[in-house]
Amino acid sequence: MASLGSGVTIRDPAYVRRRYLSVPTLREAIAVVANGTLAARNSAVWGDCTNACASDSKHVGAWDQSLTAQWHVRYGGRGVMI
C-alpha cells in the first residue's frame, strides 16, 4: 500500500496493473483462492456434502478501477455481488 512518505507515486500501481494484471490472470488468481478455500474446508464442521446452495447476492459498492467490479443495472452502479 502506498502511504505518505513511502516514495510510491500514482504511476507505480498503474505500472503494476498494466504489466501484471489482466482478465485471464485475475480469473486464475480467483480460481486459486477458491480451490484453496475448498481444499482447506474442515469436513468435521461442514460435512462431506458435494453440493452447494446459492442464494440472491448482495451488491456492494467497489472502487471504479477494481478488476472484479461490474456495472449492475438493477443497482445502478459499479460494485461486486457477494
N, C-alpha and C. Protein backbone atom coordinates (compact mmCIF):
# COMPACT_ATOMS: atom_id res chain seq x y z
N MET A 1 0.83 -1.17 0.00
CA MET A 1 0.00 0.00 0.00
C MET A 1 0.88 1.23 0.00
N ALA A 2 0.47 2.19 -0.77
CA ALA A 2 1.18 3.45 -0.80
C ALA A 2 0.69 4.32 0.35
N SER A 3 1.59 5.00 0.97
CA SER A 3 1.22 5.93 2.03
C SER A 3 2.08 7.17 1.91
N LEU A 4 1.75 8.17 2.68
CA LEU A 4 2.54 9.39 2.64
C LEU A 4 3.97 9.10 3.03
N GLY A 5 4.89 9.62 2.27
CA GLY A 5 6.30 9.43 2.57
C GLY A 5 6.86 8.08 2.16
N SER A 6 6.08 7.26 1.47
CA SER A 6 6.57 5.94 1.08
C SER A 6 7.39 5.98 -0.19
N GLY A 7 7.30 7.08 -0.93
CA GLY A 7 8.02 7.18 -2.20
C GLY A 7 7.28 6.54 -3.36
N VAL A 8 6.09 6.01 -3.11
CA VAL A 8 5.28 5.40 -4.17
C VAL A 8 4.40 6.48 -4.77
N THR A 9 4.43 6.58 -6.08
CA THR A 9 3.58 7.56 -6.76
C THR A 9 2.41 6.84 -7.42
N ILE A 10 1.50 7.60 -7.98
CA ILE A 10 0.34 7.02 -8.65
C ILE A 10 0.76 6.22 -9.88
N ARG A 11 1.91 6.51 -10.42
CA ARG A 11 2.39 5.80 -11.60
C ARG A 11 2.83 4.37 -11.28
N ASP A 12 3.27 4.13 -10.05
CA ASP A 12 3.77 2.79 -9.68
C ASP A 12 2.66 1.73 -9.69
N PRO A 13 1.53 1.93 -8.98
CA PRO A 13 0.47 0.92 -9.08
C PRO A 13 -0.11 0.82 -10.49
N ALA A 14 -0.13 1.93 -11.22
CA ALA A 14 -0.63 1.88 -12.59
C ALA A 14 0.28 1.00 -13.45
N TYR A 15 1.57 1.09 -13.23
CA TYR A 15 2.51 0.23 -13.97
C TYR A 15 2.27 -1.24 -13.63
N VAL A 16 2.11 -1.54 -12.35
CA VAL A 16 1.88 -2.93 -11.93
C VAL A 16 0.60 -3.45 -12.56
N ARG A 17 -0.43 -2.62 -12.57
CA ARG A 17 -1.70 -3.04 -13.17
C ARG A 17 -1.54 -3.33 -14.65
N ARG A 18 -0.87 -2.43 -15.38
CA ARG A 18 -0.67 -2.64 -16.82
C ARG A 18 0.22 -3.84 -17.09
N ARG A 19 1.23 -4.04 -16.28
CA ARG A 19 2.25 -5.06 -16.55
C ARG A 19 1.81 -6.45 -16.13
N TYR A 20 1.13 -6.57 -15.00
CA TYR A 20 0.89 -7.89 -14.41
C TYR A 20 -0.58 -8.31 -14.32
N LEU A 21 -1.50 -7.38 -14.36
CA LEU A 21 -2.90 -7.74 -14.17
C LEU A 21 -3.64 -7.73 -15.50
N SER A 22 -4.38 -8.80 -15.73
CA SER A 22 -5.23 -8.91 -16.90
C SER A 22 -6.42 -9.78 -16.51
N VAL A 23 -7.39 -9.84 -17.37
CA VAL A 23 -8.57 -10.66 -17.07
C VAL A 23 -8.20 -12.13 -16.86
N PRO A 24 -7.38 -12.73 -17.74
CA PRO A 24 -7.03 -14.15 -17.51
C PRO A 24 -6.25 -14.37 -16.21
N THR A 25 -5.31 -13.49 -15.89
CA THR A 25 -4.54 -13.70 -14.65
C THR A 25 -5.41 -13.47 -13.42
N LEU A 26 -6.35 -12.52 -13.50
CA LEU A 26 -7.26 -12.32 -12.37
C LEU A 26 -8.17 -13.53 -12.18
N ARG A 27 -8.66 -14.09 -13.27
CA ARG A 27 -9.50 -15.30 -13.18
C ARG A 27 -8.71 -16.46 -12.59
N GLU A 28 -7.45 -16.58 -12.99
CA GLU A 28 -6.61 -17.64 -12.44
C GLU A 28 -6.39 -17.45 -10.94
N ALA A 29 -6.17 -16.20 -10.52
CA ALA A 29 -5.97 -15.92 -9.10
C ALA A 29 -7.24 -16.23 -8.30
N ILE A 30 -8.40 -15.89 -8.83
CA ILE A 30 -9.66 -16.19 -8.17
C ILE A 30 -9.84 -17.70 -8.04
N ALA A 31 -9.49 -18.44 -9.09
CA ALA A 31 -9.60 -19.91 -9.05
C ALA A 31 -8.66 -20.50 -8.01
N VAL A 32 -7.45 -19.97 -7.90
CA VAL A 32 -6.50 -20.46 -6.88
C VAL A 32 -7.06 -20.25 -5.48
N VAL A 33 -7.63 -19.06 -5.23
CA VAL A 33 -8.20 -18.77 -3.91
C VAL A 33 -9.40 -19.67 -3.63
N ALA A 34 -10.29 -19.83 -4.61
CA ALA A 34 -11.48 -20.68 -4.42
C ALA A 34 -11.08 -22.14 -4.19
N ASN A 35 -10.15 -22.65 -4.97
CA ASN A 35 -9.71 -24.04 -4.80
C ASN A 35 -8.99 -24.23 -3.48
N GLY A 36 -8.21 -23.24 -3.05
CA GLY A 36 -7.55 -23.32 -1.75
C GLY A 36 -8.54 -23.32 -0.61
N THR A 37 -9.59 -22.52 -0.74
CA THR A 37 -10.63 -22.49 0.28
C THR A 37 -11.34 -23.83 0.37
N LEU A 38 -11.66 -24.42 -0.77
CA LEU A 38 -12.32 -25.73 -0.76
C LEU A 38 -11.41 -26.81 -0.21
N ALA A 39 -10.10 -26.72 -0.51
CA ALA A 39 -9.16 -27.73 -0.01
C ALA A 39 -8.97 -27.63 1.50
N ALA A 40 -9.09 -26.43 2.04
CA ALA A 40 -8.87 -26.24 3.48
C ALA A 40 -10.15 -26.42 4.29
N ARG A 41 -11.24 -26.69 3.63
CA ARG A 41 -12.53 -26.83 4.33
C ARG A 41 -12.49 -28.00 5.30
N ASN A 42 -12.93 -27.77 6.50
CA ASN A 42 -12.93 -28.78 7.55
C ASN A 42 -14.22 -29.61 7.45
N SER A 43 -14.10 -30.88 7.08
CA SER A 43 -15.30 -31.71 6.91
C SER A 43 -15.97 -32.02 8.24
N ALA A 44 -15.26 -31.90 9.37
CA ALA A 44 -15.89 -32.10 10.68
C ALA A 44 -16.90 -30.99 10.96
N VAL A 45 -16.66 -29.82 10.40
CA VAL A 45 -17.57 -28.68 10.60
C VAL A 45 -18.63 -28.65 9.51
N TRP A 46 -18.21 -28.80 8.24
CA TRP A 46 -19.11 -28.63 7.12
C TRP A 46 -19.70 -29.93 6.58
N GLY A 47 -19.18 -31.06 7.00
CA GLY A 47 -19.68 -32.33 6.49
C GLY A 47 -19.02 -32.70 5.18
N ASP A 48 -19.42 -33.82 4.62
CA ASP A 48 -18.83 -34.32 3.38
C ASP A 48 -19.72 -34.10 2.16
N CYS A 49 -20.65 -33.17 2.25
CA CYS A 49 -21.58 -32.97 1.13
C CYS A 49 -20.83 -32.49 -0.11
N THR A 50 -21.37 -32.83 -1.25
CA THR A 50 -20.73 -32.47 -2.52
C THR A 50 -21.57 -31.47 -3.30
N ASN A 51 -22.61 -30.96 -2.70
CA ASN A 51 -23.44 -29.98 -3.41
C ASN A 51 -23.42 -28.66 -2.65
N ALA A 52 -23.91 -27.64 -3.30
CA ALA A 52 -23.93 -26.31 -2.70
C ALA A 52 -25.28 -25.66 -2.98
N CYS A 53 -25.58 -24.65 -2.25
CA CYS A 53 -26.81 -23.90 -2.42
C CYS A 53 -26.46 -22.44 -2.66
N ALA A 54 -27.01 -21.86 -3.69
CA ALA A 54 -26.76 -20.45 -3.99
C ALA A 54 -27.99 -19.64 -3.61
N SER A 55 -27.77 -18.39 -3.29
CA SER A 55 -28.87 -17.50 -2.97
C SER A 55 -28.65 -16.17 -3.66
N ASP A 56 -29.63 -15.31 -3.55
CA ASP A 56 -29.51 -13.99 -4.15
C ASP A 56 -28.34 -13.24 -3.52
N SER A 57 -27.61 -12.52 -4.32
CA SER A 57 -26.42 -11.82 -3.86
C SER A 57 -26.74 -10.45 -3.29
N LYS A 58 -25.79 -9.90 -2.59
CA LYS A 58 -25.87 -8.54 -2.09
C LYS A 58 -24.89 -7.70 -2.89
N HIS A 59 -25.34 -6.55 -3.34
CA HIS A 59 -24.49 -5.65 -4.12
C HIS A 59 -23.71 -4.76 -3.16
N VAL A 60 -22.40 -4.74 -3.33
CA VAL A 60 -21.53 -3.92 -2.51
C VAL A 60 -20.75 -3.01 -3.44
N GLY A 61 -20.76 -1.73 -3.16
CA GLY A 61 -20.03 -0.77 -3.98
C GLY A 61 -18.54 -1.06 -3.97
N ALA A 62 -17.88 -0.77 -5.08
CA ALA A 62 -16.45 -1.05 -5.19
C ALA A 62 -15.78 0.09 -5.95
N TRP A 63 -14.49 0.19 -5.79
CA TRP A 63 -13.68 1.16 -6.49
C TRP A 63 -13.88 0.99 -7.99
N ASP A 64 -13.99 2.06 -8.69
CA ASP A 64 -14.30 2.03 -10.11
C ASP A 64 -13.26 1.27 -10.93
N GLN A 65 -12.00 1.28 -10.54
CA GLN A 65 -10.95 0.63 -11.30
C GLN A 65 -10.69 -0.81 -10.87
N SER A 66 -11.48 -1.33 -9.93
CA SER A 66 -11.31 -2.70 -9.49
C SER A 66 -11.61 -3.65 -10.64
N LEU A 67 -10.75 -4.64 -10.85
CA LEU A 67 -10.95 -5.57 -11.96
C LEU A 67 -12.12 -6.52 -11.73
N THR A 68 -12.58 -6.65 -10.50
CA THR A 68 -13.71 -7.54 -10.23
C THR A 68 -15.04 -6.78 -10.17
N ALA A 69 -15.00 -5.45 -10.23
CA ALA A 69 -16.23 -4.66 -10.18
C ALA A 69 -16.92 -4.69 -11.54
N GLN A 70 -18.22 -4.70 -11.49
CA GLN A 70 -19.01 -4.67 -12.72
C GLN A 70 -20.16 -3.69 -12.54
N TRP A 71 -20.64 -3.13 -13.64
CA TRP A 71 -21.80 -2.26 -13.61
C TRP A 71 -23.04 -3.12 -13.47
N HIS A 72 -23.91 -2.76 -12.54
CA HIS A 72 -25.14 -3.54 -12.34
C HIS A 72 -26.34 -2.65 -12.62
N VAL A 73 -27.17 -3.07 -13.57
CA VAL A 73 -28.31 -2.27 -14.00
C VAL A 73 -29.31 -2.10 -12.86
N ARG A 74 -29.60 -3.17 -12.13
CA ARG A 74 -30.60 -3.11 -11.07
C ARG A 74 -30.21 -2.13 -9.98
N TYR A 75 -28.94 -2.15 -9.60
CA TYR A 75 -28.49 -1.29 -8.50
C TYR A 75 -27.93 0.04 -8.99
N GLY A 76 -27.80 0.21 -10.29
CA GLY A 76 -27.40 1.48 -10.87
C GLY A 76 -26.00 1.95 -10.48
N GLY A 77 -25.06 1.05 -10.43
CA GLY A 77 -23.71 1.47 -10.13
C GLY A 77 -22.72 0.33 -10.21
N ARG A 78 -21.45 0.70 -10.03
CA ARG A 78 -20.39 -0.30 -10.06
C ARG A 78 -20.28 -0.95 -8.70
N GLY A 79 -19.90 -2.22 -8.71
CA GLY A 79 -19.72 -2.93 -7.45
C GLY A 79 -19.49 -4.40 -7.71
N VAL A 80 -19.51 -5.14 -6.63
CA VAL A 80 -19.36 -6.59 -6.70
C VAL A 80 -20.57 -7.23 -6.04
N MET A 81 -20.89 -8.41 -6.52
CA MET A 81 -22.02 -9.15 -5.94
C MET A 81 -21.45 -10.20 -4.98
N ILE A 82 -21.90 -10.14 -3.74
CA ILE A 82 -21.40 -11.05 -2.71
C ILE A 82 -22.55 -11.92 -2.24
